[in-house]
Amino acid sequence: MEERIAAINAALDFIEQHLREDIRVEDMAVSCGYSLFHFIRLFNQCVHHTPYDYLIRRRLAGTVDELLRTRRRLIDIALDYRFQNAETFSRVFSRVFGLQPSRVRKQGWLDRRLILQRCDLELMRHYLKFGIPHASRIAGAERWLAGCPLEGDISLVKMREIRERLKLLLRAASRWYWVRTYPLDGSQAEPADFAGVEIVDPSSLPAHLFARRLPAGDWAVFSGQRLLENVQFARAYIYQTWTANTGEKIASPLEVGCFSQGEKSDSFTISLPVSNSTVR
């Protein structure tokens, strides 16, 4: 496995070094010593993008930086990153990010979760060992949670600590939720995190707990092996690969984790409020 990952990593380095040059998939294959057929198959397995799609999205990542950091003309940015013209650039940019580049420049920010980062060794190892999260769509009713703010990101240890703390107050609960709210205004603020359990009546909270509302609507629910232990890799796939490939639009800055206690084993899912097309 490590030999294959090292070969693809060499191709990824080659792509980064030539983002602004005319390169072909054949050139990528040569850079790591594979035939074209075997390179494409292995690249898909390790990165979960085709080589050409990955190249385009890494180029788009560079254009986002140019749009927000400089006042260069759109056509100059487009040509610099090997897009044929401004129209092609705008069409591809809008398909991946859901916004025209001119709109992103005007508002001064873009949801950074959607920008494809350079795939690293650890992410490829994770994909080959555990695969990718499975997505399904559900229509969720409005829900209320009782809980408390959470300092820092979720983890398996922290989720178990939260479960034990909240069980003292709400003993009948078998599901515990973690809600992350991302800042979507271009600021560098950290996400706000909240942990709690579902309740029926938010007007009568247990002492020392706060209420949190989860809106009704369509949700994309992701499940998979070791999801909680590897939440950073799940996010990389969900935001940078799944959203663009399916055409789904994230409907709000919420990210909801659900930790369920079963008779034989525990489970964890990640849910996002979405709109637009059907989950694929």
Foldseek 3Di string as FASTA:
>chain_A
DVLLLVLLVQLLVVLVVAQQHDDDCCVSCVSSVHGSVVNQVSCCQQPVDGPVVVSVLLLLLVLLCCLQPHPDDQQVSCNSRPHPGSVSVQVLNCLQQVDGSVVCSVLRHGDPLARQDRDDSVLSVCCNVWNAWDKAKDFFAKWKWKWFWDPDDAAPVVVVVRVVVCCVVVVVFQKKKKKWFDDDRRDPDDITIIIGTTDDDQVDGDPPIHMDMDHTAMKMKIFTPPCRNPVVSNSSCVNHPQCSVFVKDFPHRMKMKMWGDDPVGITIMIMTHIDDDGRD
